[in-house]
């Protein structure tokens, strides 16, 4: 069973940059319409112009929406009711990150991470799933993270939100078995996007290029797995091997290994509390 991307109406959150933008570019030649959702409207408008220039018959709809605000989500849904009326495929790509000691980030920013990564994703899925069930066709691709499959100091809140996405995706997939709706989750490792600039990197250590993917690579592999109906998609052979070894490792061993990172972060000079960007 494949998600109805071809000649379908696809909504992509977090479409202004990174993986979401690259997915829009890959889907554009095939879909009937694409709905681009993100906070930065000017970025979405630039992408809209690009896609319309390349694919004149494609319908592109732009929604400037902050998924941390319930009112913004309601506005998108109200626009659907008076416009397209349905979404065939939902790609929940929007997400915020924070890499730092838990107490070193302001609560405002941590709360924003939780609202976008958990509440916004869950609410949008809940509102769009009912019509898919009525039509007995649809697809939901949730972008989680390899940190949703393990744990690491310096990512307490971010990792916890991605654990929610992973658990939610697995359970929802089982609930929707036999309904005609495909549910997959994409769990990438490091991807060359704007993530680090927003989430931060208190270690000061660059991500090894060997395990890092480009946004275009991640989007292509993610969509390929989604269309094959896979439950869990971990792009990149090396990252799959790393996650496989992590799953087989006893938790006490992982605690021992990761405790070194925790002590390293705790031993660094104190930084000003990171505010919401």
C-alpha atoms as a PDB file:
ATOM      1  CA  UNK A   1       0.000   0.000   0.000  1.00  0.00           C
ATOM      2  CA  UNK A   2       1.374   3.379  -1.049  1.00  0.00           C
ATOM      3  CA  UNK A   3       0.502   6.855   0.228  1.00  0.00           C
ATOM      4  CA  UNK A   4      -1.507   8.784  -2.405  1.00  0.00           C
ATOM      5  CA  UNK A   5       1.179  11.268  -3.417  1.00  0.00           C
ATOM      6  CA  UNK A   6       0.611  10.976  -7.152  1.00  0.00           C
ATOM      7  CA  UNK A   7      -2.123  13.438  -8.141  1.00  0.00           C
ATOM      8  CA  UNK A   8      -2.833  13.957  -4.454  1.00  0.00           C
ATOM      9  CA  UNK A   9      -2.993  16.961  -2.139  1.00  0.00           C
ATOM     10  CA  UNK A  10       0.059  16.994   0.123  1.00  0.00           C
ATOM     11  CA  UNK A  11       0.615  19.164   3.196  1.00  0.00           C
ATOM     12  CA  UNK A  12       4.216  19.677   4.337  1.00  0.00           C
ATOM     13  CA  UNK A  13       4.958  21.434   7.606  1.00  0.00           C
ATOM     14  CA  UNK A  14       8.326  23.054   8.161  1.00  0.00           C
ATOM     15  CA  UNK A  15       8.548  23.563   4.401  1.00  0.00           C
ATOM     16  CA  UNK A  16      10.537  26.798   4.501  1.00  0.00           C
ATOM     17  CA  UNK A  17      13.935  25.087   4.713  1.00  0.00           C
ATOM     18  CA  UNK A  18      15.850  21.848   5.073  1.00  0.00           C
ATOM     19  CA  UNK A  19      14.164  18.481   4.709  1.00  0.00           C
ATOM     20  CA  UNK A  20      10.675  19.952   4.267  1.00  0.00           C
ATOM     21  CA  UNK A  21      11.733  22.194   1.401  1.00  0.00           C
ATOM     22  CA  UNK A  22      13.539  19.332  -0.345  1.00  0.00           C
ATOM     23  CA  UNK A  23      10.507  17.071   0.038  1.00  0.00           C
ATOM     24  CA  UNK A  24       8.349  19.753  -1.578  1.00  0.00           C
ATOM     25  CA  UNK A  25      10.724  19.855  -4.532  1.00  0.00           C
ATOM     26  CA  UNK A  26      10.588  16.075  -4.918  1.00  0.00           C
ATOM     27  CA  UNK A  27       6.820  15.855  -4.620  1.00  0.00           C
ATOM     28  CA  UNK A  28       5.997  18.843  -6.856  1.00  0.00           C
ATOM     29  CA  UNK A  29       6.238  17.013 -10.224  1.00  0.00           C
ATOM     30  CA  UNK A  30       3.781  14.368  -9.030  1.00  0.00           C
ATOM     31  CA  UNK A  31       1.181  15.968  -6.783  1.00  0.00           C
ATOM     32  CA  UNK A  32      -1.947  17.840  -7.791  1.00  0.00           C
ATOM     33  CA  UNK A  33      -1.425  20.395  -5.023  1.00  0.00           C
ATOM     34  CA  UNK A  34       1.092  21.148  -2.293  1.00  0.00           C
ATOM     35  CA  UNK A  35       0.308  23.023   0.889  1.00  0.00           C
ATOM     36  CA  UNK A  36       3.404  24.659   2.348  1.00  0.00           C
ATOM     37  CA  UNK A  37       3.237  25.357   6.091  1.00  0.00           C
ATOM     38  CA  UNK A  38       5.886  27.175   8.146  1.00  0.00           C
ATOM     39  CA  UNK A  39       6.439  30.293  10.230  1.00  0.00           C
ATOM     40  CA  UNK A  40       8.540  32.194   7.686  1.00  0.00           C
ATOM     41  CA  UNK A  41       6.143  33.288   4.960  1.00  0.00           C
ATOM     42  CA  UNK A  42       8.814  34.967   2.826  1.00  0.00           C
ATOM     43  CA  UNK A  43      10.694  31.643   2.530  1.00  0.00           C
ATOM     44  CA  UNK A  44       7.480  29.875   1.577  1.00  0.00           C
ATOM     45  CA  UNK A  45       6.706  32.480  -1.074  1.00  0.00           C
ATOM     46  CA  UNK A  46      10.150  31.991  -2.586  1.00  0.00           C
ATOM     47  CA  UNK A  47       9.550  28.242  -2.758  1.00  0.00           C
ATOM     48  CA  UNK A  48       6.076  28.809  -4.196  1.00  0.00           C
ATOM     49  CA  UNK A  49       7.529  30.910  -7.045  1.00  0.00           C
ATOM     50  CA  UNK A  50      10.170  28.264  -7.733  1.00  0.00           C
ATOM     51  CA  UNK A  51       7.687  25.392  -7.872  1.00  0.00           C
ATOM     52  CA  UNK A  52       5.152  27.271  -9.979  1.00  0.00           C
ATOM     53  CA  UNK A  53       7.872  28.240 -12.453  1.00  0.00           C
ATOM     54  CA  UNK A  54       8.963  24.622 -12.846  1.00  0.00           C
ATOM     55  CA  UNK A  55       5.483  23.065 -12.721  1.00  0.00           C
ATOM     56  CA  UNK A  56       2.861  25.567 -13.961  1.00  0.00           C
ATOM     57  CA  UNK A  57      -0.021  23.124 -13.492  1.00  0.00           C
ATOM     58  CA  UNK A  58       0.793  22.526  -9.826  1.00  0.00           C
ATOM     59  CA  UNK A  59      -1.432  24.230  -7.267  1.00  0.00           C
ATOM     60  CA  UNK A  60       0.662  25.681  -4.442  1.00  0.00           C
ATOM     61  CA  UNK A  61      -0.877  27.037  -1.247  1.00  0.00           C
ATOM     62  CA  UNK A  62       1.105  28.917   1.388  1.00  0.00           C
ATOM     63  CA  UNK A  63       0.176  29.037   5.071  1.00  0.00           C
ATOM     64  CA  UNK A  64       2.282  31.086   7.461  1.00  0.00           C
ATOM     65  CA  UNK A  65       1.659  29.094  10.625  1.00  0.00           C
ATOM     66  CA  UNK A  66       3.355  28.688  13.991  1.00  0.00           C
ATOM     67  CA  UNK A  67       2.431  25.196  15.163  1.00  0.00           C
ATOM     68  CA  UNK A  68       3.023  26.280  18.741  1.00  0.00           C
ATOM     69  CA  UNK A  69      -0.102  28.439  18.471  1.00  0.00           C
ATOM     70  CA  UNK A  70      -3.450  26.679  18.420  1.00  0.00           C
ATOM     71  CA  UNK A  71      -5.015  29.660  16.701  1.00  0.00           C
ATOM     72  CA  UNK A  72      -2.645  29.323  13.756  1.00  0.00           C
ATOM     73  CA  UNK A  73      -3.503  25.649  13.345  1.00  0.00           C
ATOM     74  CA  UNK A  74      -7.221  26.433  13.457  1.00  0.00           C
ATOM     75  CA  UNK A  75      -6.687  29.088  10.766  1.00  0.00           C
ATOM     76  CA  UNK A  76      -5.089  26.512   8.454  1.00  0.00           C
ATOM     77  CA  UNK A  77      -7.948  24.089   8.991  1.00  0.00           C
ATOM     78  CA  UNK A  78     -10.580  26.766   8.443  1.00  0.00           C
ATOM     79  CA  UNK A  79      -8.859  27.698   5.191  1.00  0.00           C
ATOM     80  CA  UNK A  80      -9.060  24.063   4.139  1.00  0.00           C
ATOM     81  CA  UNK A  81     -12.799  23.962   4.746  1.00  0.00           C
ATOM     82  CA  UNK A  82     -13.452  26.847   2.370  1.00  0.00           C
ATOM     83  CA  UNK A  83     -10.780  25.850  -0.146  1.00  0.00           C
ATOM     84  CA  UNK A  84      -9.354  22.444  -0.969  1.00  0.00           C
ATOM     85  CA  UNK A  85     -11.434  20.644   1.609  1.00  0.00           C
ATOM     86  CA  UNK A  86      -9.035  17.755   2.147  1.00  0.00           C
ATOM     87  CA  UNK A  87      -5.449  16.594   2.574  1.00  0.00           C
ATOM     88  CA  UNK A  88      -4.407  13.238   1.136  1.00  0.00           C
ATOM     89  CA  UNK A  89      -0.906  13.118   2.626  1.00  0.00           C
ATOM     90  CA  UNK A  90       0.376  14.892   5.737  1.00  0.00           C
ATOM     91  CA  UNK A  91       4.121  15.250   6.221  1.00  0.00           C
ATOM     92  CA  UNK A  92       4.789  16.402   9.780  1.00  0.00           C
ATOM     93  CA  UNK A  93       8.275  17.752   9.265  1.00  0.00           C
ATOM     94  CA  UNK A  94       8.189  20.928  11.394  1.00  0.00           C
ATOM     95  CA  UNK A  95      10.271  20.748  14.525  1.00  0.00           C
ATOM     96  CA  UNK A  96      12.379  22.769  16.926  1.00  0.00           C
ATOM     97  CA  UNK A  97      15.545  21.611  18.620  1.00  0.00           C
ATOM     98  CA  UNK A  98      17.587  22.466  21.675  1.00  0.00           C
ATOM     99  CA  UNK A  99      20.989  20.975  22.433  1.00  0.00           C
ATOM    100  CA  UNK A 100      22.201  22.132  25.826  1.00  0.00           C
ATOM    101  CA  UNK A 101      22.070  21.328  29.511  1.00  0.00           C
ATOM    102  CA  UNK A 102      18.444  21.319  30.584  1.00  0.00           C
ATOM    103  CA  UNK A 103      18.689  24.227  33.010  1.00  0.00           C
ATOM    104  CA  UNK A 104      20.810  26.300  30.610  1.00  0.00           C
ATOM    105  CA  UNK A 105      17.893  26.983  28.274  1.00  0.00           C
ATOM    106  CA  UNK A 106      15.015  29.297  29.113  1.00  0.00           C
ATOM    107  CA  UNK A 107      11.707  27.630  29.854  1.00  0.00           C
ATOM    108  CA  UNK A 108      10.059  29.707  27.117  1.00  0.00           C
ATOM    109  CA  UNK A 109      12.228  28.036  24.506  1.00  0.00           C
ATOM    110  CA  UNK A 110      11.798  24.540  25.958  1.00  0.00           C
ATOM    111  CA  UNK A 111       8.037  25.026  26.069  1.00  0.00           C
ATOM    112  CA  UNK A 112       8.098  26.096  22.409  1.00  0.00           C
ATOM    113  CA  UNK A 113       9.994  22.917  21.512  1.00  0.00           C
ATOM    114  CA  UNK A 114       7.359  20.802  23.270  1.00  0.00           C
ATOM    115  CA  UNK A 115       4.448  22.651  21.677  1.00  0.00           C
ATOM    116  CA  UNK A 116       5.787  22.365  18.125  1.00  0.00           C
ATOM    117  CA  UNK A 117       7.247  18.856  18.280  1.00  0.00           C
ATOM    118  CA  UNK A 118       4.439  17.257  20.296  1.00  0.00           C
ATOM    119  CA  UNK A 119       1.223  19.258  20.549  1.00  0.00           C
ATOM    120  CA  UNK A 120       1.302  20.834  17.081  1.00  0.00           C
ATOM    121  CA  UNK A 121       2.116  17.549  15.366  1.00  0.00           C
ATOM    122  CA  UNK A 122      -0.501  15.584  17.287  1.00  0.00           C
ATOM    123  CA  UNK A 123      -3.269  18.159  16.847  1.00  0.00           C
ATOM    124  CA  UNK A 124      -2.726  18.600  13.114  1.00  0.00           C
ATOM    125  CA  UNK A 125      -2.720  14.833  12.630  1.00  0.00           C
ATOM    126  CA  UNK A 126      -5.875  14.460  14.713  1.00  0.00           C
ATOM    127  CA  UNK A 127      -7.728  17.101  12.710  1.00  0.00           C
ATOM    128  CA  UNK A 128      -6.745  15.703   9.299  1.00  0.00           C
ATOM    129  CA  UNK A 129      -7.042  11.992  10.016  1.00  0.00           C
ATOM    130  CA  UNK A 130     -10.838  11.808  10.181  1.00  0.00           C
ATOM    131  CA  UNK A 131     -11.435  12.794   6.531  1.00  0.00           C
ATOM    132  CA  UNK A 132      -8.725  10.335   5.437  1.00  0.00           C
ATOM    133  CA  UNK A 133     -10.580   7.546   7.227  1.00  0.00           C
ATOM    134  CA  UNK A 134     -13.826   8.498   5.513  1.00  0.00           C
ATOM    135  CA  UNK A 135     -12.105   8.316   2.102  1.00  0.00           C
ATOM    136  CA  UNK A 136     -10.195   5.154   3.111  1.00  0.00           C
ATOM    137  CA  UNK A 137      -6.963   6.512   1.686  1.00  0.00           C
ATOM    138  CA  UNK A 138      -4.192   8.708   2.974  1.00  0.00           C
ATOM    139  CA  UNK A 139      -0.713   8.915   4.369  1.00  0.00           C
ATOM    140  CA  UNK A 140       1.095  10.393   7.374  1.00  0.00           C
ATOM    141  CA  UNK A 141       4.865  10.746   7.477  1.00  0.00           C
ATOM    142  CA  UNK A 142       6.206  11.922  10.823  1.00  0.00           C
ATOM    143  CA  UNK A 143       9.765  13.231  10.932  1.00  0.00           C
ATOM    144  CA  UNK A 144      11.271  12.093  14.215  1.00  0.00           C
ATOM    145  CA  UNK A 145      14.985  11.613  14.923  1.00  0.00           C
ATOM    146  CA  UNK A 146      17.468   8.929  15.879  1.00  0.00           C
ATOM    147  CA  UNK A 147      17.337  10.667  19.275  1.00  0.00           C
ATOM    148  CA  UNK A 148      13.763   9.397  19.409  1.00  0.00           C
ATOM    149  CA  UNK A 149      15.232   5.886  19.541  1.00  0.00           C
ATOM    150  CA  UNK A 150      17.860   6.453  22.223  1.00  0.00           C
ATOM    151  CA  UNK A 151      18.884   9.106  24.759  1.00  0.00           C
ATOM    152  CA  UNK A 152      21.767  11.535  25.132  1.00  0.00           C
ATOM    153  CA  UNK A 153      22.767  14.205  27.650  1.00  0.00           C
ATOM    154  CA  UNK A 154      22.367  17.700  26.307  1.00  0.00           C
ATOM    155  CA  UNK A 155      19.132  16.807  24.531  1.00  0.00           C
ATOM    156  CA  UNK A 156      16.743  15.995  27.370  1.00  0.00           C
ATOM    157  CA  UNK A 157      13.697  17.874  26.102  1.00  0.00           C
ATOM    158  CA  UNK A 158      14.358  17.504  22.378  1.00  0.00           C
ATOM    159  CA  UNK A 159      14.983  13.766  22.681  1.00  0.00           C
ATOM    160  CA  UNK A 160      11.892  13.346  24.848  1.00  0.00           C
ATOM    161  CA  UNK A 161       9.705  15.059  22.245  1.00  0.00           C
ATOM    162  CA  UNK A 162      11.105  12.801  19.537  1.00  0.00           C
ATOM    163  CA  UNK A 163      10.406   9.744  21.689  1.00  0.00           C
ATOM    164  CA  UNK A 164       6.804  10.923  21.674  1.00  0.00           C
ATOM    165  CA  UNK A 165       6.819  11.157  17.873  1.00  0.00           C
ATOM    166  CA  UNK A 166       8.304   7.672  17.570  1.00  0.00           C
ATOM    167  CA  UNK A 167       5.856   6.048  19.994  1.00  0.00           C
ATOM    168  CA  UNK A 168       2.924   7.963  18.524  1.00  0.00           C
ATOM    169  CA  UNK A 169       3.825   6.886  14.983  1.00  0.00           C
ATOM    170  CA  UNK A 170       4.221   3.223  15.884  1.00  0.00           C
ATOM    171  CA  UNK A 171       0.920   3.067  17.777  1.00  0.00           C
ATOM    172  CA  UNK A 172      -0.994   5.061  15.149  1.00  0.00           C
ATOM    173  CA  UNK A 173       0.290   2.785  12.405  1.00  0.00           C
ATOM    174  CA  UNK A 174      -1.106  -0.240  14.234  1.00  0.00           C
ATOM    175  CA  UNK A 175      -4.432   1.478  14.918  1.00  0.00           C
ATOM    176  CA  UNK A 176      -4.806   2.310  11.217  1.00  0.00           C
ATOM    177  CA  UNK A 177      -3.913  -1.124   9.873  1.00  0.00           C
ATOM    178  CA  UNK A 178      -6.313  -2.109   7.087  1.00  0.00           C
ATOM    179  CA  UNK A 179      -7.847   1.373   6.745  1.00  0.00           C
ATOM    180  CA  UNK A 180      -5.945   2.389   3.604  1.00  0.00           C
ATOM    181  CA  UNK A 181      -3.801   4.932   5.463  1.00  0.00           C
ATOM    182  CA  UNK A 182      -0.015   4.584   5.514  1.00  0.00           C
ATOM    183  CA  UNK A 183       1.846   5.802   8.620  1.00  0.00           C
ATOM    184  CA  UNK A 184       5.642   5.982   8.592  1.00  0.00           C
ATOM    185  CA  UNK A 185       8.279   7.736  10.636  1.00  0.00           C
ATOM    186  CA  UNK A 186      11.569   9.126   9.396  1.00  0.00           C
ATOM    187  CA  UNK A 187      14.374   9.066  11.986  1.00  0.00           C
ATOM    188  CA  UNK A 188      17.409  10.813  10.545  1.00  0.00           C
ATOM    189  CA  UNK A 189      20.725  11.306  12.266  1.00  0.00           C
ATOM    190  CA  UNK A 190      22.687  14.517  11.635  1.00  0.00           C
ATOM    191  CA  UNK A 191      21.431  16.398   8.572  1.00  0.00           C
ATOM    192  CA  UNK A 192      23.050  19.478   7.061  1.00  0.00           C
ATOM    193  CA  UNK A 193      20.255  21.971   7.746  1.00  0.00           C
ATOM    194  CA  UNK A 194      19.676  25.079   9.867  1.00  0.00           C
ATOM    195  CA  UNK A 195      19.033  22.828  12.881  1.00  0.00           C
ATOM    196  CA  UNK A 196      22.367  23.425  14.600  1.00  0.00           C
ATOM    197  CA  UNK A 197      22.050  27.185  14.263  1.00  0.00           C
ATOM    198  CA  UNK A 198      18.744  27.081  16.143  1.00  0.00           C
ATOM    199  CA  UNK A 199      19.339  24.174  18.526  1.00  0.00           C
ATOM    200  CA  UNK A 200      22.919  25.107  19.330  1.00  0.00           C
ATOM    201  CA  UNK A 201      26.059  23.028  19.708  1.00  0.00           C
ATOM    202  CA  UNK A 202      27.572  23.502  23.180  1.00  0.00           C
ATOM    203  CA  UNK A 203      30.337  20.969  22.516  1.00  0.00           C
ATOM    204  CA  UNK A 204      31.874  23.058  19.765  1.00  0.00           C
ATOM    205  CA  UNK A 205      32.690  19.789  17.969  1.00  0.00           C
ATOM    206  CA  UNK A 206      31.654  19.549  14.333  1.00  0.00           C
ATOM    207  CA  UNK A 207      29.472  16.623  13.269  1.00  0.00           C
ATOM    208  CA  UNK A 208      31.582  14.042  11.386  1.00  0.00           C
ATOM    209  CA  UNK A 209      30.848  14.316   7.673  1.00  0.00           C
ATOM    210  CA  UNK A 210      30.826  10.526   7.490  1.00  0.00           C
ATOM    211  CA  UNK A 211      27.472  10.307   9.275  1.00  0.00           C
ATOM    212  CA  UNK A 212      25.920  13.558   8.051  1.00  0.00           C
ATOM    213  CA  UNK A 213      23.451  13.629   5.157  1.00  0.00           C
ATOM    214  CA  UNK A 214      22.364  16.550   3.030  1.00  0.00           C
ATOM    215  CA  UNK A 215      18.751  17.652   3.343  1.00  0.00           C
ATOM    216  CA  UNK A 216      18.154  16.485  -0.242  1.00  0.00           C
ATOM    217  CA  UNK A 217      19.516  12.997   0.501  1.00  0.00           C
ATOM    218  CA  UNK A 218      17.423  12.686   3.642  1.00  0.00           C
ATOM    219  CA  UNK A 219      14.264  13.828   1.864  1.00  0.00           C
ATOM    220  CA  UNK A 220      14.798  11.422  -1.028  1.00  0.00           C
ATOM    221  CA  UNK A 221      15.455   8.410   1.220  1.00  0.00           C
ATOM    222  CA  UNK A 222      12.595   9.360   3.525  1.00  0.00           C
ATOM    223  CA  UNK A 223      10.054   9.586   0.713  1.00  0.00           C
ATOM    224  CA  UNK A 224      11.316   6.340  -0.805  1.00  0.00           C
ATOM    225  CA  UNK A 225      10.764   4.484   2.455  1.00  0.00           C
ATOM    226  CA  UNK A 226       7.367   6.138   2.948  1.00  0.00           C
ATOM    227  CA  UNK A 227       6.193   5.033  -0.483  1.00  0.00           C
ATOM    228  CA  UNK A 228       7.358   1.517   0.261  1.00  0.00           C
ATOM    229  CA  UNK A 229       5.174   1.565   3.354  1.00  0.00           C
ATOM    230  CA  UNK A 230       7.999   1.166   5.838  1.00  0.00           C
ATOM    231  CA  UNK A 231       7.207   1.758   9.493  1.00  0.00           C
ATOM    232  CA  UNK A 232      10.656   3.091  10.410  1.00  0.00           C
ATOM    233  CA  UNK A 233      13.050   4.845   8.051  1.00  0.00           C
ATOM    234  CA  UNK A 234      16.616   5.543   9.194  1.00  0.00           C
ATOM    235  CA  UNK A 235      18.440   7.095   6.236  1.00  0.00           C
ATOM    236  CA  UNK A 236      22.099   6.255   5.757  1.00  0.00           C
ATOM    237  CA  UNK A 237      23.734   2.843   6.168  1.00  0.00           C
ATOM    238  CA  UNK A 238      26.184   3.942   8.845  1.00  0.00           C
ATOM    239  CA  UNK A 239      23.471   5.543  10.953  1.00  0.00           C
ATOM    240  CA  UNK A 240      21.334   2.401  10.666  1.00  0.00           C
ATOM    241  CA  UNK A 241      24.285   0.334  11.899  1.00  0.00           C
ATOM    242  CA  UNK A 242      24.898   2.727  14.789  1.00  0.00           C
ATOM    243  CA  UNK A 243      21.265   2.601  15.855  1.00  0.00           C
ATOM    244  CA  UNK A 244      21.214  -1.192  15.516  1.00  0.00           C
ATOM    245  CA  UNK A 245      24.236  -1.459  17.803  1.00  0.00           C
ATOM    246  CA  UNK A 246      22.679   0.999  20.262  1.00  0.00           C
ATOM    247  CA  UNK A 247      19.507  -1.088  20.432  1.00  0.00           C
ATOM    248  CA  UNK A 248      21.521  -4.240  21.189  1.00  0.00           C
ATOM    249  CA  UNK A 249      23.651  -2.538  23.840  1.00  0.00           C
ATOM    250  CA  UNK A 250      22.518  -2.932  27.459  1.00  0.00           C
ATOM    251  CA  UNK A 251      21.162   0.304  28.878  1.00  0.00           C
ATOM    252  CA  UNK A 252      23.743   0.395  31.706  1.00  0.00           C
ATOM    253  CA  UNK A 253      26.475   0.352  29.051  1.00  0.00           C
ATOM    254  CA  UNK A 254      24.844   3.245  27.188  1.00  0.00           C
ATOM    255  CA  UNK A 255      24.588   5.198  30.446  1.00  0.00           C
ATOM    256  CA  UNK A 256      28.277   4.607  31.073  1.00  0.00           C
ATOM    257  CA  UNK A 257      29.270   5.774  27.578  1.00  0.00           C
ATOM    258  CA  UNK A 258      26.984   8.811  27.515  1.00  0.00           C
ATOM    259  CA  UNK A 259      27.926   9.838  31.058  1.00  0.00           C
ATOM    260  CA  UNK A 260      31.219  11.069  29.607  1.00  0.00           C
ATOM    261  CA  UNK A 261      29.306  13.506  27.441  1.00  0.00           C
ATOM    262  CA  UNK A 262      27.288  14.659  30.430  1.00  0.00           C
ATOM    263  CA  UNK A 263      30.417  15.335  32.479  1.00  0.00           C
ATOM    264  CA  UNK A 264      32.012  17.120  29.535  1.00  0.00           C
ATOM    265  CA  UNK A 265      29.026  19.443  29.130  1.00  0.00           C
ATOM    266  CA  UNK A 266      28.807  20.057  32.883  1.00  0.00           C
ATOM    267  CA  UNK A 267      32.500  20.902  33.003  1.00  0.00           C
ATOM    268  CA  UNK A 268      32.338  23.618  30.365  1.00  0.00           C
ATOM    269  CA  UNK A 269      32.159  27.289  31.423  1.00  0.00           C
ATOM    270  CA  UNK A 270      28.606  28.395  32.165  1.00  0.00           C
ATOM    271  CA  UNK A 271      26.887  30.124  29.255  1.00  0.00           C
ATOM    272  CA  UNK A 272      24.031  32.648  29.357  1.00  0.00           C
ATOM    273  CA  UNK A 273      20.628  30.984  29.337  1.00  0.00           C
ATOM    274  CA  UNK A 274      19.561  30.366  25.735  1.00  0.00           C
ATOM    275  CA  UNK A 275      16.467  32.344  24.917  1.00  0.00           C
ATOM    276  CA  UNK A 276      13.885  31.599  22.288  1.00  0.00           C
ATOM    277  CA  UNK A 277      15.052  32.551  18.803  1.00  0.00           C
END
